[in-house]
């Protein structure tokens, strides 16, 4: 289910522009050229396209980050309706070697965020039509990054709503400009902050999992209201609006959405043998190396389950992870496992004897189970 909310597809930007333009016209009832200019400004902030390709038209306004922006003459309605010919045409435009765009640099973010009002206006933070359901259902997010601040900021802006909360984690060894740019962005919002404890992240190592745990702890310490936590890398982008995400999470009714794989798909060598870190010549970061030492079984005679590093977690689940004695004992066991972030959440979720809030269906006819049953019966969707 979660993979239907987020996809790493560049084509989503085209659809996003179409949706923004259509919804903005409906909501604001645009009539004058000045109204159109306002909406163009938001749209240009989302696309930031420049260059010279066939089927590109000049747009009236220029932006301060590059050459005169352009956008493609694509049929947005056809794309949103799944017209394969129009989708292929859009892909061809984006794959054209003459299709270029000017990135916003970290230094530009540092300069822009000196004046938060200017920054938020130039990047389109201000046009919100939030429903009562959304107001009453704030969502918390973590975003992990180590480079490409613009990409992370685009993700933040796509998810941003005044009632939501965002924890930004920057890898400790990221460039100074990255840290300063992200801090500048966070300082412009009351509901966005940089994690209090940054990790020196090693791919496949324990610090990758610890980074998410640090954001979880900070979000709980803030004492602000939110009902679900979603952890994200900065390379992802939502294909659902905040209103749609809230409806999905409301349907979950407190259940978590965590991937779980058993059997041979678990890659048992990762957790049956201890892993240590080894530095290699000319490499800044160490990498995990498997030893010949077998690990003791995990505490509580549980089954190790593989999943994804990312998931959708209910607040009671986050509180359990942060505060429960067993969750900490299990966490310690995973410290010398390869890619523990792909095992820890799933193992908690699918061992029912642990009693984690929002864990896998236990026999009660709750709303989430009925929803899953409906999908399985009508759309042949499997959750295993």
Protein backbone atom coordinates (compact mmCIF):
# COMPACT_ATOMS: atom_id res chain seq x y z
CA UNK A 1 0.00 0.00 0.00
CA UNK A 2 2.71 2.43 0.96
CA UNK A 3 4.49 1.99 -2.36
CA UNK A 4 1.39 3.39 -4.04
CA UNK A 5 1.76 6.62 -2.10
CA UNK A 6 5.39 7.25 -3.02
CA UNK A 7 7.14 6.43 -6.31
CA UNK A 8 10.47 7.53 -7.64
CA UNK A 9 9.08 8.73 -10.93
CA UNK A 10 10.17 11.99 -12.50
CA UNK A 11 6.96 12.01 -14.55
CA UNK A 12 5.13 12.85 -11.33
CA UNK A 13 6.40 16.43 -11.66
CA UNK A 14 4.49 16.83 -14.90
CA UNK A 15 1.32 15.47 -13.32
CA UNK A 16 1.88 17.65 -10.26
CA UNK A 17 2.06 20.76 -12.40
CA UNK A 18 -1.15 19.80 -14.14
CA UNK A 19 -2.93 19.14 -10.86
CA UNK A 20 -1.74 22.40 -9.32
CA UNK A 21 -2.90 24.44 -12.28
CA UNK A 22 -6.27 22.72 -12.48
CA UNK A 23 -7.04 22.79 -8.74
CA UNK A 24 -5.83 26.37 -8.39
CA UNK A 25 -8.17 27.51 -11.12
CA UNK A 26 -11.11 25.70 -9.54
CA UNK A 27 -10.47 26.88 -6.00
CA UNK A 28 -9.50 30.47 -6.72
CA UNK A 29 -11.88 31.03 -9.66
CA UNK A 30 -9.20 32.77 -11.72
CA UNK A 31 -10.44 35.56 -13.96
CA UNK A 32 -7.73 38.16 -14.51
CA UNK A 33 -4.21 37.99 -15.96
CA UNK A 34 -2.90 38.92 -12.51
CA UNK A 35 -4.56 35.81 -11.09
CA UNK A 36 -2.90 33.70 -13.73
CA UNK A 37 0.46 35.26 -12.88
CA UNK A 38 0.06 34.20 -9.25
CA UNK A 39 -0.68 30.62 -10.21
CA UNK A 40 2.14 30.58 -12.74
CA UNK A 41 4.52 31.66 -9.98
CA UNK A 42 3.53 28.62 -7.90
CA UNK A 43 3.69 26.33 -10.92
CA UNK A 44 7.11 27.64 -11.94
CA UNK A 45 8.37 27.03 -8.42
CA UNK A 46 7.29 23.40 -8.76
CA UNK A 47 8.81 22.80 -12.17
CA UNK A 48 11.79 25.21 -12.48
CA UNK A 49 12.34 24.16 -16.08
CA UNK A 50 14.65 25.87 -18.52
CA UNK A 51 16.30 25.08 -21.83
CA UNK A 52 15.33 24.74 -25.44
CA UNK A 53 13.44 21.71 -26.74
CA UNK A 54 10.75 21.13 -29.30
CA UNK A 55 7.19 21.69 -28.03
CA UNK A 56 8.43 24.11 -25.31
CA UNK A 57 6.84 27.57 -25.06
CA UNK A 58 8.11 30.67 -23.33
CA UNK A 59 6.32 31.65 -20.13
CA UNK A 60 5.85 35.33 -19.36
CA UNK A 61 7.72 35.55 -16.11
CA UNK A 62 11.36 34.80 -15.42
CA UNK A 63 12.62 33.38 -12.18
CA UNK A 64 15.61 34.58 -10.27
CA UNK A 65 17.31 31.15 -10.28
CA UNK A 66 18.07 30.76 -13.97
CA UNK A 67 17.12 31.38 -17.55
CA UNK A 68 13.60 32.03 -18.70
CA UNK A 69 11.52 29.01 -17.57
CA UNK A 70 9.63 26.91 -20.08
CA UNK A 71 7.13 24.11 -19.81
CA UNK A 72 6.04 21.48 -22.26
CA UNK A 73 2.89 21.49 -24.36
CA UNK A 74 1.55 18.25 -22.93
CA UNK A 75 -2.04 17.17 -22.47
CA UNK A 76 -2.28 17.02 -18.67
CA UNK A 77 -5.73 15.47 -18.75
CA UNK A 78 -4.54 12.66 -20.99
CA UNK A 79 -1.54 11.99 -18.72
CA UNK A 80 -3.72 11.85 -15.62
CA UNK A 81 -6.11 9.49 -17.42
CA UNK A 82 -3.28 7.12 -18.34
CA UNK A 83 -3.03 7.89 -22.07
CA UNK A 84 0.07 5.87 -23.00
CA UNK A 85 0.80 7.88 -26.15
CA UNK A 86 0.80 11.18 -24.24
CA UNK A 87 2.86 9.66 -21.42
CA UNK A 88 5.42 8.38 -23.94
CA UNK A 89 5.49 11.85 -25.50
CA UNK A 90 6.20 13.41 -22.10
CA UNK A 91 8.99 10.88 -21.47
CA UNK A 92 10.52 11.73 -24.85
CA UNK A 93 10.52 15.41 -23.95
CA UNK A 94 12.26 14.77 -20.65
CA UNK A 95 14.75 12.37 -22.23
CA UNK A 96 15.68 14.92 -24.90
CA UNK A 97 19.34 15.83 -24.50
CA UNK A 98 18.41 19.51 -24.92
CA UNK A 99 16.04 19.36 -21.95
CA UNK A 100 17.86 21.18 -19.15
CA UNK A 101 17.03 22.82 -15.88
CA UNK A 102 18.99 25.07 -13.57
CA UNK A 103 19.29 23.66 -10.07
CA UNK A 104 18.97 25.85 -7.00
CA UNK A 105 22.28 25.69 -5.21
CA UNK A 106 22.84 25.42 -1.47
CA UNK A 107 24.29 28.93 -1.46
CA UNK A 108 21.12 30.26 -3.07
CA UNK A 109 19.03 28.57 -0.37
CA UNK A 110 21.25 30.12 2.31
CA UNK A 111 20.75 33.55 0.78
CA UNK A 112 17.01 33.15 0.18
CA UNK A 113 16.24 31.96 3.71
CA UNK A 114 17.74 35.10 5.22
CA UNK A 115 14.28 36.55 4.57
CA UNK A 116 11.77 33.80 5.35
CA UNK A 117 8.79 35.68 3.91
CA UNK A 118 10.54 36.08 0.57
CA UNK A 119 11.68 32.46 0.62
CA UNK A 120 8.24 31.05 1.38
CA UNK A 121 6.59 33.23 -1.26
CA UNK A 122 9.16 32.40 -3.96
CA UNK A 123 8.86 28.67 -3.26
CA UNK A 124 5.08 28.57 -3.07
CA UNK A 125 4.50 27.97 0.65
CA UNK A 126 1.26 29.79 1.26
CA UNK A 127 -1.51 28.49 -0.96
CA UNK A 128 -3.33 25.99 1.26
CA UNK A 129 -6.91 24.84 1.15
CA UNK A 130 -6.92 22.50 4.16
CA UNK A 131 -10.04 20.51 4.99
CA UNK A 132 -11.30 19.94 8.51
CA UNK A 133 -10.31 16.30 8.21
CA UNK A 134 -6.73 17.33 7.42
CA UNK A 135 -6.63 19.89 10.25
CA UNK A 136 -7.72 17.22 12.69
CA UNK A 137 -5.24 14.63 11.44
CA UNK A 138 -1.65 15.97 11.48
CA UNK A 139 1.05 13.68 10.11
CA UNK A 140 4.73 13.60 11.10
CA UNK A 141 7.54 12.99 8.62
CA UNK A 142 11.29 12.51 8.67
CA UNK A 143 13.38 13.30 5.60
CA UNK A 144 16.95 11.98 5.34
CA UNK A 145 19.48 13.64 3.06
CA UNK A 146 23.18 14.22 2.56
CA UNK A 147 23.17 16.25 -0.68
CA UNK A 148 20.79 17.82 -3.22
CA UNK A 149 19.04 20.24 -0.89
CA UNK A 150 16.70 21.32 -3.66
CA UNK A 151 15.38 17.80 -4.09
CA UNK A 152 14.73 17.51 -0.35
CA UNK A 153 13.06 20.92 -0.27
CA UNK A 154 10.79 19.95 -3.15
CA UNK A 155 9.71 16.89 -1.19
CA UNK A 156 9.13 19.04 1.90
CA UNK A 157 7.04 21.49 -0.10
CA UNK A 158 4.98 18.74 -1.71
CA UNK A 159 4.11 17.31 1.71
CA UNK A 160 3.92 20.57 3.60
CA UNK A 161 0.77 21.57 5.43
CA UNK A 162 0.66 23.91 8.45
CA UNK A 163 -0.62 21.16 10.76
CA UNK A 164 2.01 18.56 9.78
CA UNK A 165 5.44 18.17 11.39
CA UNK A 166 8.80 17.55 9.75
CA UNK A 167 12.14 16.32 11.09
CA UNK A 168 15.12 16.81 8.76
CA UNK A 169 18.20 14.64 9.21
CA UNK A 170 21.40 15.63 7.40
CA UNK A 171 24.26 13.15 7.32
CA UNK A 172 27.03 14.37 9.63
CA UNK A 173 29.61 14.27 6.84
CA UNK A 174 27.53 16.28 4.39
CA UNK A 175 29.05 19.52 3.13
CA UNK A 176 28.86 22.56 5.38
CA UNK A 177 26.70 24.36 2.82
CA UNK A 178 24.16 21.52 2.93
CA UNK A 179 23.86 21.74 6.72
CA UNK A 180 23.52 25.52 6.65
CA UNK A 181 20.99 25.53 3.80
CA UNK A 182 18.77 22.94 5.48
CA UNK A 183 18.98 24.74 8.81
CA UNK A 184 17.95 27.96 7.07
CA UNK A 185 14.91 26.26 5.56
CA UNK A 186 13.89 24.75 8.90
CA UNK A 187 14.26 28.10 10.69
CA UNK A 188 11.57 29.56 8.43
CA UNK A 189 8.85 27.25 9.80
CA UNK A 190 7.43 26.50 13.23
CA UNK A 191 6.67 22.89 12.28
CA UNK A 192 9.99 22.01 10.60
CA UNK A 193 13.19 21.29 12.52
CA UNK A 194 16.60 19.72 12.12
CA UNK A 195 17.12 16.62 14.27
CA UNK A 196 18.92 17.32 17.52
CA UNK A 197 21.38 14.46 17.05
CA UNK A 198 22.82 13.85 13.59
CA UNK A 199 24.35 10.51 12.64
CA UNK A 200 27.41 9.68 10.58
CA UNK A 201 25.47 7.36 8.31
CA UNK A 202 27.11 4.25 6.87
CA UNK A 203 25.13 2.50 4.15
CA UNK A 204 23.98 -0.88 5.47
CA UNK A 205 25.03 0.08 8.99
CA UNK A 206 23.24 0.72 12.26
CA UNK A 207 23.46 4.51 12.06
CA UNK A 208 20.99 4.53 9.17
CA UNK A 209 18.35 3.06 11.52
CA UNK A 210 19.47 5.31 14.39
CA UNK A 211 18.81 8.40 12.27
CA UNK A 212 15.12 7.52 12.04
CA UNK A 213 14.97 6.72 15.74
CA UNK A 214 16.45 10.13 16.57
CA UNK A 215 13.70 11.86 14.59
CA UNK A 216 11.06 9.69 16.27
CA UNK A 217 12.37 10.68 19.70
CA UNK A 218 12.43 14.38 18.81
CA UNK A 219 8.88 14.29 17.44
CA UNK A 220 7.63 12.68 20.65
CA UNK A 221 9.57 15.15 22.80
CA UNK A 222 7.98 18.10 21.00
CA UNK A 223 4.64 17.20 22.62
CA UNK A 224 2.77 18.19 19.48
CA UNK A 225 -0.22 16.34 18.10
CA UNK A 226 0.26 13.90 15.22
CA UNK A 227 -1.19 10.48 14.50
CA UNK A 228 1.18 8.80 12.05
CA UNK A 229 4.88 8.96 11.28
CA UNK A 230 6.29 8.35 7.79
CA UNK A 231 10.05 8.14 7.21
CA UNK A 232 11.38 9.12 3.81
CA UNK A 233 14.62 9.51 1.88
CA UNK A 234 14.88 12.83 0.07
CA UNK A 235 14.78 11.07 -3.32
CA UNK A 236 11.10 10.13 -3.05
CA UNK A 237 8.09 12.17 -4.12
CA UNK A 238 4.39 11.79 -3.27
CA UNK A 239 1.75 10.95 -5.84
CA UNK A 240 -1.03 11.59 -3.33
CA UNK A 241 -2.19 14.91 -1.92
CA UNK A 242 -2.17 15.50 1.81
CA UNK A 243 -5.96 15.09 1.81
CA UNK A 244 -5.65 11.68 0.12
CA UNK A 245 -2.86 10.57 2.47
CA UNK A 246 -4.99 11.55 5.47
CA UNK A 247 -7.95 9.57 4.14
CA UNK A 248 -5.73 6.50 3.71
CA UNK A 249 -4.29 6.86 7.21
CA UNK A 250 -7.74 7.35 8.70
CA UNK A 251 -8.78 4.10 7.03
CA UNK A 252 -5.80 2.35 8.63
CA UNK A 253 -7.47 3.09 11.96
CA UNK A 254 -4.25 2.84 13.98
CA UNK A 255 -2.69 -0.02 11.98
CA UNK A 256 0.87 0.23 10.70
CA UNK A 257 1.85 -0.26 7.06
CA UNK A 258 5.14 -2.16 7.22
CA UNK A 259 6.45 -4.57 4.60
CA UNK A 260 7.19 -8.10 5.77
CA UNK A 261 9.08 -10.91 3.99
CA UNK A 262 9.69 -14.39 5.36
CA UNK A 263 11.29 -17.61 4.13
CA UNK A 264 14.25 -17.43 1.76
CA UNK A 265 13.61 -13.78 0.99
CA UNK A 266 14.96 -12.77 4.40
CA UNK A 267 18.65 -13.04 3.30
CA UNK A 268 19.55 -14.86 6.50
CA UNK A 269 23.31 -14.28 6.31
CA UNK A 270 22.69 -10.66 7.13
CA UNK A 271 21.40 -11.41 10.63
CA UNK A 272 22.80 -14.87 11.46
CA UNK A 273 26.40 -13.65 11.45
CA UNK A 274 27.97 -10.68 13.21
CA UNK A 275 29.07 -7.79 11.04
CA UNK A 276 31.88 -5.38 11.82
CA UNK A 277 32.98 -2.11 10.23
CA UNK A 278 36.17 -1.99 8.20
CA UNK A 279 37.84 1.03 6.68
CA UNK A 280 39.17 0.71 3.17
CA UNK A 281 41.99 2.59 1.55
CA UNK A 282 40.93 5.88 -0.08
CA UNK A 283 37.42 5.52 1.34
CA UNK A 284 36.07 8.05 3.82
CA UNK A 285 33.42 5.81 5.36
CA UNK A 286 33.86 2.23 6.60
CA UNK A 287 31.66 -0.54 5.32
CA UNK A 288 30.04 -3.48 7.14
CA UNK A 289 31.88 -6.79 6.72
CA UNK A 290 30.42 -10.20 7.59
CA UNK A 291 32.42 -12.25 10.08
CA UNK A 292 32.36 -15.99 10.68
CA UNK A 293 30.91 -15.50 14.15
CA UNK A 294 27.31 -16.64 14.43
CA UNK A 295 24.93 -14.46 16.44
CA UNK A 296 22.88 -15.64 19.36
CA UNK A 297 19.11 -15.94 18.67
CA UNK A 298 17.18 -12.67 19.13
CA UNK A 299 15.62 -12.02 22.56
CA UNK A 300 12.22 -13.55 23.19
CA UNK A 301 12.52 -16.45 20.73
CA UNK A 302 11.06 -14.39 17.90
CA UNK A 303 11.32 -14.79 14.13
CA UNK A 304 13.44 -12.26 12.24
CA UNK A 305 11.39 -10.75 9.41
CA UNK A 306 12.78 -8.72 6.53
CA UNK A 307 11.02 -5.66 5.22
CA UNK A 308 11.77 -2.15 4.07
CA UNK A 309 13.70 0.63 5.77
CA UNK A 310 10.61 2.76 5.27
CA UNK A 311 7.06 2.45 6.49
CA UNK A 312 3.95 4.10 7.87
CA UNK A 313 3.93 3.96 11.66
CA UNK A 314 1.12 4.82 14.07
CA UNK A 315 2.02 7.09 16.97
CA UNK A 316 1.48 4.32 19.57
CA UNK A 317 3.96 2.19 17.57
CA UNK A 318 6.50 5.03 17.69
CA UNK A 319 5.94 5.42 21.43
CA UNK A 320 6.49 1.68 21.90
CA UNK A 321 9.72 1.79 19.90
CA UNK A 322 10.96 4.77 21.89
CA UNK A 323 9.94 3.70 25.39
CA UNK A 324 9.40 -0.07 25.70
CA UNK A 325 12.15 -2.13 27.30
CA UNK A 326 11.81 -4.96 24.78
CA UNK A 327 12.11 -2.67 21.76
CA UNK A 328 15.44 -1.43 23.15
CA UNK A 329 16.66 -4.97 23.81
CA UNK A 330 15.81 -5.99 20.27
CA UNK A 331 17.44 -2.84 18.94
CA UNK A 332 20.70 -3.75 20.69
CA UNK A 333 20.56 -7.21 19.11
CA UNK A 334 20.35 -5.62 15.65
CA UNK A 335 23.47 -3.46 16.12
CA UNK A 336 25.77 -5.90 14.31
CA UNK A 337 23.24 -6.96 11.66
CA UNK A 338 23.70 -5.87 8.03
CA UNK A 339 21.05 -3.31 7.05
CA UNK A 340 19.17 -3.48 10.36
CA UNK A 341 16.75 -0.80 9.13
CA UNK A 342 15.33 -3.45 6.77
CA UNK A 343 14.65 -5.87 9.64
CA UNK A 344 13.86 -3.97 12.83
CA UNK A 345 10.44 -2.53 11.90
CA UNK A 346 9.24 -5.72 10.21
CA UNK A 347 10.37 -7.96 13.08
CA UNK A 348 8.48 -5.83 15.59
CA UNK A 349 5.41 -5.74 13.38
CA UNK A 350 5.01 -9.42 12.52
CA UNK A 351 5.83 -11.15 15.82
CA UNK A 352 2.45 -10.92 17.49
CA UNK A 353 3.76 -12.07 20.86
CA UNK A 354 5.59 -8.74 21.17
CA UNK A 355 2.25 -6.93 21.23
CA UNK A 356 3.33 -3.88 19.24
CA UNK A 357 0.49 -1.34 18.74
CA UNK A 358 -0.88 -1.40 15.20
CA UNK A 359 0.79 -4.75 14.40
CA UNK A 360 -0.43 -7.37 11.96
CA UNK A 361 -4.10 -8.45 12.04
CA UNK A 362 -4.81 -10.50 15.17
CA UNK A 363 -8.39 -11.67 14.60
CA UNK A 364 -10.50 -8.63 15.43
CA UNK A 365 -12.77 -7.27 12.74
CA UNK A 366 -11.40 -3.76 12.79
CA UNK A 367 -11.78 -1.19 10.02
CA UNK A 368 -8.31 -1.80 8.62
CA UNK A 369 -8.93 -5.52 8.25
CA UNK A 370 -12.26 -4.89 6.51
CA UNK A 371 -10.51 -2.45 4.16
CA UNK A 372 -7.77 -4.99 3.31
CA UNK A 373 -10.39 -7.68 2.77
CA UNK A 374 -12.27 -5.37 0.41
CA UNK A 375 -9.10 -4.74 -1.64
CA UNK A 376 -8.24 -8.41 -1.74
CA UNK A 377 -11.74 -9.46 -2.86
CA UNK A 378 -12.25 -6.74 -5.45
CA UNK A 379 -8.80 -5.92 -6.76
CA UNK A 380 -6.81 -9.06 -6.03
CA UNK A 381 -4.36 -7.15 -3.82
CA UNK A 382 -2.14 -9.29 -1.58
CA UNK A 383 -0.65 -8.00 1.68
CA UNK A 384 1.71 -10.90 2.25
